[in-house]
Amino acid sequence: MPGSVRNACCSMKPRQRGFTLVELMITLAVAVVLVTIAVPSFRSMTYSNKLTTAVNDVIASISTAKMEAIKRGGSAQLCSNSAANNNSDVLGSACGTQTGAVYLMTKSNIADQVRSPTPELTGAVVLKGDMTALRFNGQGLAIKVGDTTPYNGVVAVICTTALSTNNQRTITMAAGGILTTSPSSGSCT
């Protein structure tokens, strides 16, 4: 009996471990198909997120200008990318062409920068046309620079050429302070 157990044990072939060539080729084929599907979706998602980040940064600049004007009971300006839109007074001159920067008029009649320009509006994500230069008064109402009534209209259109559809976001203001953002498709020029 002891000899037969040994013969049964030793007659069994050792188990092989690993993949066969066919299994490896099928796994690689499935991986290639998944990567081919995922890469364009990932690229689209990346640019969509960059576009959203730029829009959120402009909205943050608008909110900063509004809150600083209310907090300090003075005048704050959201800067345009166009020096002509910013005006040539103290706040407008301080803005220059610093898109999305915010300047506050101090009690000593000096423009004090309270928010840096929007860095996301370069490269793949750009401003379509000019951003509207807005002045906020102590009550938090936005008035287009050079105008006298609360602002109603488009503040900025931000877009990217990296996406073929849903590549624009329009920031609109109503009643001098209510913001809405709407997506759309179109040319960035």
Protein backbone atom coordinates (compact mmCIF):
# COMPACT_ATOMS: atom_id res chain seq x y z
CA MET A 1 0.00 0.00 0.00
CA PRO A 2 2.67 2.55 0.77
CA GLY A 3 4.26 1.94 -2.61
CA SER A 4 1.03 2.50 -4.49
CA VAL A 5 0.47 5.88 -2.86
CA ARG A 6 3.89 6.95 -3.91
CA ASN A 7 3.32 5.82 -7.47
CA ALA A 8 -0.02 7.70 -7.63
CA CYS A 9 1.64 10.82 -6.28
CA CYS A 10 4.58 10.72 -8.59
CA SER A 11 2.64 9.78 -11.71
CA MET A 12 0.66 13.06 -11.61
CA LYS A 13 2.02 15.73 -13.93
CA PRO A 14 2.98 19.05 -12.32
CA ARG A 15 0.46 21.91 -12.90
CA GLN A 16 1.46 24.57 -15.36
CA ARG A 17 0.88 28.20 -14.41
CA GLY A 18 0.49 31.31 -16.62
CA PHE A 19 -1.35 32.33 -19.77
CA THR A 20 -1.42 30.73 -23.15
CA LEU A 21 -0.52 32.82 -26.16
CA VAL A 22 -4.18 32.86 -27.29
CA GLU A 23 -5.37 34.14 -23.89
CA LEU A 24 -2.72 36.88 -23.94
CA MET A 25 -3.68 37.99 -27.47
CA ILE A 26 -7.39 38.17 -26.56
CA THR A 27 -6.61 40.21 -23.44
CA LEU A 28 -4.46 42.63 -25.45
CA ALA A 29 -7.17 43.00 -28.12
CA VAL A 30 -9.80 43.84 -25.48
CA ALA A 31 -7.41 46.35 -23.87
CA VAL A 32 -6.75 48.08 -27.21
CA VAL A 33 -10.50 48.40 -27.91
CA LEU A 34 -11.12 49.86 -24.44
CA VAL A 35 -8.27 52.39 -24.79
CA THR A 36 -9.49 53.40 -28.26
CA ILE A 37 -12.92 54.15 -26.84
CA ALA A 38 -11.70 55.82 -23.62
CA VAL A 39 -9.02 58.21 -24.94
CA PRO A 40 -11.32 60.47 -27.02
CA SER A 41 -13.87 60.56 -24.18
CA PHE A 42 -11.14 61.46 -21.70
CA ARG A 43 -9.85 64.23 -24.01
CA SER A 44 -13.35 65.65 -24.38
CA MET A 45 -13.91 65.52 -20.64
CA THR A 46 -10.57 67.26 -20.00
CA TYR A 47 -11.40 70.19 -22.29
CA SER A 48 -14.93 70.44 -20.95
CA ASN A 49 -13.48 70.68 -17.43
CA LYS A 50 -11.00 73.37 -18.54
CA LEU A 51 -13.88 75.35 -20.02
CA THR A 52 -15.91 75.01 -16.81
CA THR A 53 -12.90 76.05 -14.71
CA ALA A 54 -12.42 79.21 -16.78
CA VAL A 55 -16.12 80.10 -16.47
CA ASN A 56 -16.03 79.52 -12.72
CA ASP A 57 -12.97 81.75 -12.42
CA VAL A 58 -14.74 84.61 -14.23
CA ILE A 59 -17.80 84.15 -12.03
CA ALA A 60 -15.53 84.23 -8.96
CA SER A 61 -14.07 87.52 -10.22
CA ILE A 62 -17.56 88.98 -10.64
CA SER A 63 -18.52 87.83 -7.15
CA THR A 64 -15.32 89.27 -5.69
CA ALA A 65 -15.97 92.66 -7.29
CA LYS A 66 -19.53 92.69 -5.99
CA MET A 67 -18.63 91.63 -2.44
CA GLU A 68 -15.69 94.04 -2.15
CA ALA A 69 -17.85 96.95 -3.33
CA ILE A 70 -20.51 96.08 -0.75
CA LYS A 71 -18.03 95.39 2.04
CA ARG A 72 -16.13 98.63 1.56
CA GLY A 73 -19.08 100.73 0.44
CA GLY A 74 -17.19 101.86 -2.63
CA SER A 75 -16.59 101.20 -6.27
CA ALA A 76 -15.02 98.00 -7.64
CA GLN A 77 -14.37 97.12 -11.25
CA LEU A 78 -14.30 93.81 -13.12
CA CYS A 79 -11.66 94.38 -15.78
CA SER A 80 -12.15 93.69 -19.48
CA ASN A 81 -9.49 92.45 -21.87
CA SER A 82 -9.95 95.74 -23.75
CA ALA A 83 -8.39 98.92 -22.31
CA ALA A 84 -11.00 100.98 -24.19
CA ASN A 85 -13.82 99.10 -22.41
CA ASN A 86 -12.18 99.66 -19.02
CA ASN A 87 -12.21 103.46 -19.39
CA SER A 88 -9.33 105.86 -18.70
CA ASP A 89 -10.18 106.90 -15.11
CA VAL A 90 -8.28 105.58 -12.08
CA LEU A 91 -9.94 102.14 -11.97
CA GLY A 92 -9.96 101.67 -15.74
CA SER A 93 -6.32 102.69 -16.11
CA ALA A 94 -5.32 100.25 -13.37
CA CYS A 95 -7.13 97.48 -15.23
CA GLY A 96 -5.29 97.96 -18.51
CA THR A 97 -6.01 94.69 -20.33
CA GLN A 98 -5.99 92.34 -17.32
CA THR A 99 -8.98 90.13 -18.18
CA GLY A 100 -10.97 89.24 -15.09
CA ALA A 101 -8.87 91.24 -12.63
CA VAL A 102 -10.73 93.18 -9.94
CA TYR A 103 -9.73 96.63 -8.69
CA LEU A 104 -11.25 98.53 -5.80
CA MET A 105 -11.23 102.30 -5.35
CA THR A 106 -9.79 103.13 -1.93
CA LYS A 107 -10.75 106.11 0.23
CA SER A 108 -7.55 107.86 -0.88
CA ASN A 109 -8.60 107.58 -4.55
CA ILE A 110 -6.12 104.80 -5.40
CA ALA A 111 -7.00 101.62 -7.31
CA ASP A 112 -6.17 98.58 -5.20
CA GLN A 113 -6.06 95.16 -6.91
CA VAL A 114 -8.12 92.61 -4.98
CA ARG A 115 -8.12 89.77 -7.54
CA SER A 116 -5.57 88.77 -10.16
CA PRO A 117 -6.43 88.33 -13.85
CA THR A 118 -8.05 85.08 -15.00
CA PRO A 119 -5.19 82.71 -15.90
CA GLU A 120 -7.39 80.05 -17.54
CA LEU A 121 -8.17 82.18 -20.61
CA THR A 122 -5.08 81.20 -22.56
CA GLY A 123 -4.22 78.25 -24.77
CA ALA A 124 -7.11 75.94 -25.59
CA VAL A 125 -9.75 77.95 -23.69
CA VAL A 126 -10.17 81.55 -24.83
CA LEU A 127 -12.42 84.56 -24.53
CA LYS A 128 -14.64 85.07 -27.58
CA GLY A 129 -14.79 88.79 -28.22
CA ASP A 130 -14.37 91.22 -25.33
CA MET A 131 -15.39 90.78 -21.72
CA THR A 132 -17.73 93.51 -20.47
CA ALA A 133 -16.09 95.87 -17.99
CA LEU A 134 -18.40 96.24 -15.00
CA ARG A 135 -18.40 98.65 -12.05
CA PHE A 136 -20.06 97.60 -8.84
CA ASN A 137 -21.40 100.24 -6.46
CA GLY A 138 -21.76 100.02 -2.67
CA GLN A 139 -25.14 98.32 -3.06
CA GLY A 140 -23.60 95.56 -5.20
CA LEU A 141 -25.25 96.62 -8.47
CA ALA A 142 -23.21 96.18 -11.63
CA ILE A 143 -23.16 98.99 -14.16
CA LYS A 144 -21.36 98.73 -17.48
CA VAL A 145 -18.42 101.13 -17.47
CA GLY A 146 -19.58 104.39 -19.05
CA ASP A 147 -23.27 103.65 -18.46
CA THR A 148 -25.64 104.67 -15.65
CA THR A 149 -28.19 101.84 -15.41
CA PRO A 150 -27.87 98.35 -13.91
CA TYR A 151 -26.34 95.98 -16.46
CA ASN A 152 -28.41 93.48 -18.43
CA GLY A 153 -26.55 91.44 -21.02
CA VAL A 154 -23.65 89.19 -21.87
CA VAL A 155 -20.62 89.57 -19.61
CA ALA A 156 -18.38 87.09 -21.46
CA VAL A 157 -18.39 84.19 -23.90
CA ILE A 158 -15.69 81.61 -23.22
CA CYS A 159 -14.98 78.87 -25.74
CA THR A 160 -12.56 76.22 -26.93
CA THR A 161 -11.72 74.92 -30.40
CA ALA A 162 -10.74 71.55 -28.91
CA LEU A 163 -14.41 70.47 -28.75
CA SER A 164 -16.69 70.25 -31.77
CA THR A 165 -19.98 70.59 -29.85
CA ASN A 166 -20.96 72.23 -26.58
CA ASN A 167 -17.75 74.27 -26.81
CA GLN A 168 -19.01 77.65 -25.53
CA ARG A 169 -20.27 79.03 -22.25
CA THR A 170 -22.05 82.38 -22.14
CA ILE A 171 -22.11 84.28 -18.85
CA THR A 172 -25.10 86.65 -18.74
CA MET A 173 -26.10 89.18 -16.10
CA ALA A 174 -29.61 90.45 -15.41
CA ALA A 175 -30.76 93.29 -13.18
CA GLY A 176 -27.19 94.31 -12.39
CA GLY A 177 -26.27 91.20 -10.47
CA ILE A 178 -28.08 87.94 -11.34
CA LEU A 179 -25.73 85.62 -13.23
CA THR A 180 -26.62 82.75 -15.54
CA THR A 181 -24.38 80.50 -17.58
CA SER A 182 -25.56 78.73 -20.71
CA PRO A 183 -23.70 76.21 -22.87
CA SER A 184 -23.82 76.30 -26.66
CA SER A 185 -21.93 75.25 -29.76
CA GLY A 186 -20.30 77.49 -32.29
CA SER A 187 -17.16 79.08 -33.66
CA CYS A 188 -14.61 80.65 -31.32
CA THR A 189 -13.92 83.54 -33.69
